[in-house]
Amino acid sequence: MHLRIRVLTLPLVKIFGRWFEVNVEPNARLLDANANRCREGIRTAEDFIRFAVGDARWVARLRTARHQVTADLHGCLATDRLVRGRRAGTDVGHPEHTEAEVASGAGCSKEVAVRGLKRAQEALRVLEEYTRDVHGEVSRRFSALRFGLYEAEQWLVLGSDAARIL
């Protein structure tokens, strides 16, 4: 009779040329990736509104939302637990710059800002769903932020041109 022994090892991550074992929490990676995606998406719209439109009220609202994502996420998991699971270099979802991706980047600055808000809305939905069972209040705040970004998108698409004239 042969016994099979399964050896569990911690994943290795290469950081600055050195390999480190990390204890990865799958949900921590998921939350970290979506929080980053959300903040980056908000920032693209925030910068467009700041530099191209010049509407201080919407810039402040988006900046507050971006900071709120960070604060709410830290209410769920400490920063070191979030960062420990990052594997950007070996992530199966690491973007490959294909022709389709390059083509999707075309368009005016306003379209880039709208796409950023769309990415942020999607990421907030993921954060909302994955925090609901354990951190219900945080999940509700993510939901409220998502609906705030729907409002920002509507203003950006329909009203920002008028604000630029003023």
Foldseek 3Di string as FASTA:
>chain_A
DDDDDDDDFADWAADPNDIDGFDADVVLQLLLVLLVLLLQLLVLLLVCCVPPLNDPVVNVVSVVLNVLSVVLVCVVPPPCNNVRNDRQPPDPPNDDDDPVNVVVPDDDSLVSSLVSLVSNLVSLQVVLVSCCPPPVVSSVVSVVSSVVSVVVSCCSVPPSVVSSVD
